[in-house]
Amino acid sequence: MGFQTQEVSITFASDRFVQGLNKKYRGFDQPTDVLAFAMREGEWTEIQPQLLGDIVISIDTAKKQALEMGHSLNKELAILLVHGILHLIGYDHIQSGETKKMQDMEQRILKHIGFI
C-alpha cells in the first residue's frame, strides 16, 4: 500500500495539552513542538492499515519558534507538520546520521511545497 492512500490525524493544541501527552507517552514533563504517534508500530497495525498515525502540534510552541526564527506561524506549522509526517513514516533523529537524513528530507519537502 502506497502512502497516497494513507490517512493522518492532525491536532493543534496548547502547550499544556502537549505537555501531558509528552509526559504520559515519552516520560518528559515539558511541552514540545510536535508529537507523532505512528499507527504502523506495535501489535495493532493491521486494524486500520490506511491510518498512518496522529500528529499533535503545540500552537503555543509553534508561535514562539516562529518568532525566534523570524518567519511566519504558517511556515512553522508546515515545518512541524512535515517533521511529524516523517516520524510517522519511520524517520527519526536519535542518532546523528539519522538526524541529517531527516533534515535533508524535511528541506526537500518544504522546498517542494514552497516554504523555502
Protein backbone atom coordinates (compact mmCIF):
# COMPACT_ATOMS: atom_id res chain seq x y z
CA MET A 1 0.00 0.00 0.00
CA GLY A 2 1.47 3.37 -1.02
CA PHE A 3 1.50 6.48 1.06
CA GLN A 4 -1.01 8.13 -1.30
CA THR A 5 -3.70 6.01 0.35
CA GLN A 6 -2.75 6.89 3.93
CA GLU A 7 -4.66 8.97 6.45
CA VAL A 8 -3.17 11.29 9.08
CA SER A 9 -4.91 12.95 12.00
CA ILE A 10 -3.62 16.42 12.92
CA THR A 11 -4.42 18.10 16.22
CA PHE A 12 -3.44 21.65 17.12
CA ALA A 13 -3.26 22.04 20.89
CA SER A 14 -1.90 24.11 23.76
CA ASP A 15 1.48 23.60 25.43
CA ARG A 16 -0.36 22.28 28.47
CA PHE A 17 -2.14 19.57 26.49
CA VAL A 18 1.03 18.58 24.61
CA GLN A 19 2.99 18.50 27.86
CA GLY A 20 0.51 16.00 29.27
CA LEU A 21 0.94 13.74 26.23
CA ASN A 22 4.70 14.15 26.30
CA LYS A 23 4.82 13.12 29.95
CA LYS A 24 2.44 10.19 29.52
CA TYR A 25 3.94 8.69 26.37
CA ARG A 26 7.58 9.81 26.40
CA GLY A 27 8.30 10.45 30.08
CA PHE A 28 9.21 14.12 29.53
CA ASP A 29 7.27 16.53 31.76
CA GLN A 30 7.59 19.51 29.44
CA PRO A 31 5.87 20.82 26.34
CA THR A 32 7.32 20.11 22.92
CA ASP A 33 6.57 21.40 19.45
CA VAL A 34 5.26 18.24 17.78
CA LEU A 35 4.42 14.67 18.74
CA ALA A 36 3.83 11.86 16.27
CA PHE A 37 2.01 8.66 17.13
CA ALA A 38 2.55 6.09 14.39
CA MET A 39 -0.15 3.54 13.70
CA ARG A 40 2.34 1.38 11.80
CA GLU A 41 4.06 0.31 15.01
CA GLY A 42 3.01 -2.20 17.62
CA GLU A 43 0.55 -5.04 17.65
CA TRP A 44 -2.48 -3.18 16.26
CA THR A 45 -1.07 -2.16 12.86
CA GLU A 46 -3.48 -4.30 10.86
CA ILE A 47 -6.72 -2.91 12.33
CA GLN A 48 -6.82 0.12 10.03
CA PRO A 49 -3.84 -0.20 7.64
CA GLN A 50 -4.71 3.06 5.85
CA LEU A 51 -4.12 5.05 9.07
CA LEU A 52 -0.60 6.41 9.14
CA GLY A 53 -0.98 7.97 12.58
CA ASP A 54 -1.63 11.07 14.64
CA ILE A 55 0.30 14.32 14.79
CA VAL A 56 -0.15 16.76 17.67
CA ILE A 57 1.32 20.25 17.23
CA SER A 58 1.59 22.80 20.03
CA ILE A 59 0.35 26.13 18.74
CA ASP A 60 1.98 27.89 21.73
CA THR A 61 5.42 26.45 20.98
CA ALA A 62 4.96 26.94 17.22
CA LYS A 63 4.27 30.65 17.80
CA LYS A 64 7.40 31.00 19.96
CA GLN A 65 9.57 29.16 17.46
CA ALA A 66 8.25 31.18 14.52
CA LEU A 67 9.09 34.40 16.35
CA GLU A 68 12.58 33.11 17.26
CA MET A 69 13.25 32.02 13.67
CA GLY A 70 11.83 35.22 12.17
CA HIS A 71 9.28 33.54 9.95
CA SER A 72 5.50 33.19 9.86
CA LEU A 73 3.41 30.90 12.01
CA ASN A 74 2.20 29.21 8.81
CA LYS A 75 5.77 28.34 7.85
CA GLU A 76 6.48 26.98 11.34
CA LEU A 77 3.32 24.87 11.22
CA ALA A 78 4.37 23.50 7.82
CA ILE A 79 7.81 22.63 9.22
CA LEU A 80 6.30 20.86 12.22
CA LEU A 81 3.75 19.02 10.09
CA VAL A 82 6.42 17.75 7.70
CA HIS A 83 8.58 16.77 10.68
CA GLY A 84 5.68 14.84 12.23
CA ILE A 85 4.82 13.06 8.99
CA LEU A 86 8.43 11.99 8.55
CA HIS A 87 8.32 10.46 12.02
CA LEU A 88 5.15 8.59 11.06
CA ILE A 89 6.86 7.01 8.06
CA GLY A 90 9.93 5.95 10.02
CA TYR A 91 12.39 8.83 10.04
CA ASP A 92 14.00 9.72 13.36
CA HIS A 93 16.72 11.91 14.76
CA ILE A 94 18.07 9.93 17.70
CA GLN A 95 21.46 9.33 16.08
CA SER A 96 23.41 11.99 14.19
CA GLY A 97 23.33 10.10 10.87
CA GLU A 98 19.57 9.79 11.11
CA THR A 99 19.27 13.47 12.01
CA LYS A 100 20.99 14.54 8.78
CA LYS A 101 18.82 12.25 6.64
CA MET A 102 15.66 13.56 8.29
CA GLN A 103 16.72 17.20 7.98
CA ASP A 104 17.59 16.74 4.31
CA MET A 105 14.19 15.18 3.61
CA GLU A 106 12.43 17.98 5.52
CA GLN A 107 14.24 20.58 3.43
CA ARG A 108 13.40 18.81 0.16
CA ILE A 109 9.72 18.60 1.05
CA LEU A 110 9.50 22.18 2.33
CA LYS A 111 11.19 23.42 -0.85
CA HIS A 112 8.81 21.35 -2.98
CA ILE A 113 5.73 22.81 -1.27
CA GLY A 114 7.09 26.37 -1.44
CA PHE A 115 8.03 27.12 2.17
CA ILE A 116 11.75 27.59 1.48
